[in-house]
Amino acid sequence: MTSTDSAQQPAARDPWDLPDVSDLVVGVLGGTGDQGRGLAYRLARAGQKVIIGSRAAERARTAAGELGHGVEGAENAECARRSDVVIVAVPWDGHAKTLESLRDELTGKLVVDCVNPLGFDKKGAYALKPDEGSAAEQAAALLPESRVAAAFHHLSAVLLQDPEIGEIDTDVMVLGEERADVEIVQALAGRIAGMRGVFAGRLRNAHQVESLVANLISVNRRYKAHAGLRVTDV
């Protein structure tokens, strides 16, 4: 390679040069559950416009009023229609049915799946593996006209909802097929004080990320903690 060839090579992109997402409307399906409420609260507290969705509009509006910070509540379909980015935080057993029912409303949207397929028995939590490979891959299969990413799996709902906690010291593993979509999700994670979004691969690797929650549940039970994750050396 000549010096001229070298000079013509494009400069490497800074992986931490993330987009401004402050004007995006974020919808949270399952926003009346603990994880959904917590994410809605943290994002709204950071200044994001947030709408929480529920099968019952009145339930969503009640939960939104309790959260404050300008959070709105709506029935799931309206929440999906009005949002630019939609976080899926519904229980695993209702995951497929919810997404199937909202396929039209989610067309063209960036859908961020944070659902963890887990089972529980007397030995504790254990990971389930959907036929598609993961909850995120199931979402991608059910929503062929949406852009699906996966993130926000390893966050403590207790910490998210506690107004006395100013910062949550954790990283958010973000997976997806398109760099631009992943970077939007990373930027949203970074809006929450103490958090950082870290690219963690394509959706085919989502199962490992989802299943790790079973390990964190075991950690939390043993040590009476609200454990999260930090990625070192990045």
Protein backbone atom coordinates (compact mmCIF):
# COMPACT_ATOMS: atom_id res chain seq x y z
CA MET A 1 0.00 0.00 0.00
CA THR A 2 1.40 3.44 -0.94
CA SER A 3 1.27 6.49 1.30
CA THR A 4 -1.37 7.91 -1.06
CA ASP A 5 -3.53 4.80 -0.62
CA SER A 6 -3.14 5.06 3.14
CA ALA A 7 -4.20 8.69 3.14
CA GLN A 8 -7.37 7.79 1.28
CA GLN A 9 -8.55 5.30 3.89
CA PRO A 10 -11.55 6.62 5.85
CA ALA A 11 -10.91 7.49 9.47
CA ALA A 12 -12.16 4.91 11.95
CA ARG A 13 -15.41 5.94 13.62
CA ASP A 14 -15.31 6.65 17.32
CA PRO A 15 -17.58 3.97 18.84
CA TRP A 16 -18.61 6.42 21.57
CA ASP A 17 -19.76 9.06 19.10
CA LEU A 18 -23.46 8.43 19.64
CA PRO A 19 -26.47 10.29 18.22
CA ASP A 20 -28.58 12.88 20.01
CA VAL A 21 -31.78 11.03 20.97
CA SER A 22 -33.26 13.65 23.27
CA ASP A 23 -36.18 14.39 20.92
CA LEU A 24 -37.29 10.78 20.46
CA VAL A 25 -40.55 9.57 21.98
CA VAL A 26 -40.01 6.31 23.84
CA GLY A 27 -42.90 3.90 24.37
CA VAL A 28 -42.72 1.18 27.00
CA LEU A 29 -45.01 -1.81 26.44
CA GLY A 30 -45.54 -3.45 29.78
CA GLY A 31 -44.98 -0.08 31.38
CA THR A 32 -47.18 -0.91 34.36
CA GLY A 33 -44.92 -3.82 35.40
CA ASP A 34 -41.89 -3.31 37.62
CA GLN A 35 -39.23 -3.33 34.91
CA GLY A 36 -41.26 -1.22 32.52
CA ARG A 37 -42.19 1.32 35.18
CA GLY A 38 -38.57 1.59 36.24
CA LEU A 39 -37.29 2.18 32.73
CA ALA A 40 -40.04 4.69 32.03
CA TYR A 41 -39.27 6.56 35.23
CA ARG A 42 -35.51 6.74 34.61
CA LEU A 43 -35.82 7.85 31.01
CA ALA A 44 -38.46 10.46 31.83
CA ARG A 45 -36.40 11.69 34.76
CA ALA A 46 -33.53 12.20 32.29
CA GLY A 47 -35.78 14.37 30.13
CA GLN A 48 -37.00 11.82 27.57
CA LYS A 49 -40.60 11.95 26.37
CA VAL A 50 -42.11 8.64 27.55
CA ILE A 51 -45.45 6.89 27.00
CA ILE A 52 -46.23 3.72 28.90
CA GLY A 53 -48.55 1.15 27.39
CA SER A 54 -50.89 -1.39 28.89
CA ARG A 55 -53.74 -3.55 27.66
CA ALA A 56 -55.98 -1.21 29.70
CA ALA A 57 -55.57 2.49 28.95
CA GLU A 58 -56.85 3.56 32.36
CA ARG A 59 -54.31 1.38 34.11
CA ALA A 60 -51.55 2.93 32.01
CA ARG A 61 -52.73 6.46 32.77
CA THR A 62 -52.85 5.72 36.50
CA ALA A 63 -49.31 4.34 36.47
CA ALA A 64 -48.10 7.32 34.42
CA GLY A 65 -49.58 9.73 36.93
CA GLU A 66 -47.72 7.96 39.72
CA LEU A 67 -44.42 8.21 37.85
CA GLY A 68 -44.67 11.92 37.08
CA HIS A 69 -41.98 13.65 34.99
CA GLY A 70 -44.44 14.11 32.13
CA VAL A 71 -44.96 10.37 31.53
CA GLU A 72 -48.16 9.61 29.62
CA GLY A 73 -50.21 6.42 29.63
CA ALA A 74 -52.10 4.80 26.77
CA GLU A 75 -53.45 1.50 25.52
CA ASN A 76 -50.70 -0.58 23.91
CA ALA A 77 -51.65 0.14 20.30
CA GLU A 78 -51.75 3.90 20.83
CA CYS A 79 -48.47 3.77 22.73
CA ALA A 80 -46.84 1.97 19.80
CA ARG A 81 -48.28 4.34 17.20
CA ARG A 82 -47.13 7.50 19.00
CA SER A 83 -43.60 6.33 19.81
CA ASP A 84 -40.39 6.49 17.79
CA VAL A 85 -38.71 3.76 19.84
CA VAL A 86 -40.69 1.04 21.62
CA ILE A 87 -39.26 -0.92 24.55
CA VAL A 88 -40.87 -4.33 25.10
CA ALA A 89 -40.97 -5.12 28.81
CA VAL A 90 -43.90 -7.52 28.97
CA PRO A 91 -43.88 -10.89 30.79
CA TRP A 92 -42.37 -13.70 28.75
CA ASP A 93 -45.60 -15.70 28.66
CA GLY A 94 -47.36 -12.81 26.92
CA HIS A 95 -44.47 -11.79 24.67
CA ALA A 96 -45.49 -13.41 21.39
CA LYS A 97 -49.18 -12.61 21.70
CA THR A 98 -48.51 -8.95 22.49
CA LEU A 99 -46.16 -8.47 19.55
CA GLU A 100 -48.43 -10.30 17.12
CA SER A 101 -51.31 -8.03 18.08
CA LEU A 102 -49.21 -4.89 17.47
CA ARG A 103 -47.49 -5.87 14.22
CA ASP A 104 -49.11 -3.07 12.22
CA GLU A 105 -48.51 -0.38 14.85
CA LEU A 106 -44.86 -1.41 15.18
CA THR A 107 -44.14 -1.38 11.45
CA GLY A 108 -41.12 0.81 10.77
CA LYS A 109 -40.39 1.31 14.46
CA LEU A 110 -37.21 0.55 16.37
CA VAL A 111 -38.31 -2.13 18.84
CA VAL A 112 -36.05 -2.79 21.83
CA ASP A 113 -36.71 -6.14 23.47
CA CYS A 114 -35.68 -6.51 27.12
CA VAL A 115 -37.66 -9.66 27.92
CA ASN A 116 -35.89 -12.52 29.70
CA PRO A 117 -37.36 -16.00 29.09
CA LEU A 118 -37.01 -17.60 32.52
CA GLY A 119 -38.46 -20.50 34.44
CA PHE A 120 -38.56 -20.91 38.21
CA ASP A 121 -38.58 -23.97 40.42
CA LYS A 122 -37.44 -24.86 43.94
CA LYS A 123 -33.81 -24.56 42.82
CA GLY A 124 -34.34 -20.99 41.63
CA ALA A 125 -34.38 -19.24 38.27
CA TYR A 126 -33.23 -20.91 35.07
CA ALA A 127 -33.05 -19.83 31.44
CA LEU A 128 -35.53 -20.96 28.81
CA LYS A 129 -34.58 -21.09 25.13
CA PRO A 130 -37.35 -20.15 22.69
CA ASP A 131 -37.59 -22.02 19.39
CA GLU A 132 -36.32 -18.89 17.64
CA GLY A 133 -33.25 -18.81 19.88
CA SER A 134 -34.13 -15.88 22.14
CA ALA A 135 -36.91 -13.46 22.96
CA ALA A 136 -35.26 -10.86 20.72
CA GLU A 137 -35.10 -13.28 17.78
CA GLN A 138 -38.72 -14.20 18.37
CA ALA A 139 -39.56 -10.50 18.21
CA ALA A 140 -37.63 -10.14 14.94
CA ALA A 141 -39.49 -13.12 13.47
CA LEU A 142 -42.88 -11.76 14.52
CA LEU A 143 -42.13 -8.20 13.40
CA PRO A 144 -40.51 -8.49 9.96
CA GLU A 145 -41.26 -4.84 9.14
CA SER A 146 -39.73 -3.51 12.38
CA ARG A 147 -36.09 -2.97 13.35
CA VAL A 148 -35.42 -5.09 16.42
CA ALA A 149 -32.67 -4.61 18.98
CA ALA A 150 -32.15 -6.11 22.44
CA ALA A 151 -31.11 -4.26 25.61
CA PHE A 152 -31.91 -3.38 29.25
CA HIS A 153 -31.99 -7.01 30.44
CA HIS A 154 -29.76 -6.80 33.52
CA LEU A 155 -31.27 -3.86 35.38
CA SER A 156 -32.72 -4.03 38.86
CA ALA A 157 -36.34 -2.92 38.92
CA VAL A 158 -35.88 -1.97 42.58
CA LEU A 159 -33.05 0.43 41.77
CA LEU A 160 -34.78 1.80 38.69
CA GLN A 161 -37.87 2.76 40.68
CA ASP A 162 -36.13 4.20 43.75
CA PRO A 163 -36.29 8.02 43.55
CA GLU A 164 -33.59 8.31 46.23
CA ILE A 165 -31.00 6.74 43.91
CA GLY A 166 -29.43 9.35 41.65
CA GLU A 167 -27.18 7.09 39.58
CA ILE A 168 -27.30 3.40 38.69
CA ASP A 169 -23.78 2.05 38.25
CA THR A 170 -24.14 -0.45 35.41
CA ASP A 171 -23.59 -1.12 31.74
CA VAL A 172 -26.36 -2.03 29.30
CA MET A 173 -25.54 -4.73 26.75
CA VAL A 174 -27.05 -3.74 23.39
CA LEU A 175 -27.49 -6.16 20.50
CA GLY A 176 -28.82 -5.59 17.02
CA GLU A 177 -28.35 -5.97 13.29
CA GLU A 178 -27.88 -2.34 12.25
CA ARG A 179 -25.21 -0.12 13.74
CA ALA A 180 -27.39 2.98 13.57
CA ASP A 181 -30.16 1.29 15.56
CA VAL A 182 -27.74 -0.08 18.14
CA GLU A 183 -26.24 3.37 18.62
CA ILE A 184 -29.68 4.89 19.21
CA VAL A 185 -30.27 2.36 21.99
CA GLN A 186 -26.79 2.94 23.42
CA ALA A 187 -27.50 6.66 23.49
CA LEU A 188 -30.83 6.11 25.25
CA ALA A 189 -29.11 3.98 27.88
CA GLY A 190 -26.54 6.71 28.35
CA ARG A 191 -29.29 9.22 29.13
CA ILE A 192 -29.83 7.42 32.45
CA ALA A 193 -27.37 8.65 35.06
CA GLY A 194 -24.63 6.11 35.77
CA MET A 195 -25.43 3.90 32.79
CA ARG A 196 -23.58 3.21 29.57
CA GLY A 197 -24.74 1.29 26.50
CA VAL A 198 -22.19 -1.19 25.14
CA PHE A 199 -22.49 -3.00 21.80
CA ALA A 200 -22.57 -6.75 22.49
CA GLY A 201 -23.16 -8.38 19.10
CA ARG A 202 -25.91 -9.41 16.71
CA LEU A 203 -29.31 -10.73 17.74
CA ARG A 204 -28.08 -14.31 17.33
CA ASN A 205 -26.14 -13.71 20.57
CA ALA A 206 -29.14 -12.45 22.53
CA HIS A 207 -29.83 -15.76 24.26
CA GLN A 208 -26.64 -15.56 26.30
CA VAL A 209 -27.49 -12.04 27.42
CA GLU A 210 -31.08 -12.90 28.30
CA SER A 211 -30.15 -16.09 30.15
CA LEU A 212 -27.52 -14.34 32.29
CA VAL A 213 -30.37 -12.80 34.25
CA ALA A 214 -30.90 -16.20 35.91
CA ASN A 215 -27.34 -15.96 37.25
CA LEU A 216 -27.88 -12.41 38.48
CA ILE A 217 -31.02 -13.51 40.33
CA SER A 218 -28.93 -16.14 42.11
CA VAL A 219 -26.31 -13.51 42.99
CA ASN A 220 -28.94 -11.16 44.33
CA ARG A 221 -30.60 -13.80 46.48
CA ARG A 222 -27.35 -14.99 48.01
CA TYR A 223 -25.88 -11.56 48.71
CA LYS A 224 -29.10 -9.57 49.26
CA ALA A 225 -28.03 -7.26 46.45
CA HIS A 226 -29.23 -5.63 43.23
CA ALA A 227 -26.33 -6.68 41.02
CA GLY A 228 -25.65 -5.29 37.58
CA LEU A 229 -22.79 -5.60 35.08
CA ARG A 230 -19.76 -3.57 34.08
CA VAL A 231 -17.67 -4.29 30.98
CA THR A 232 -13.98 -3.56 31.61
CA ASP A 233 -11.36 -2.07 29.29
CA VAL A 234 -13.80 -0.31 26.94
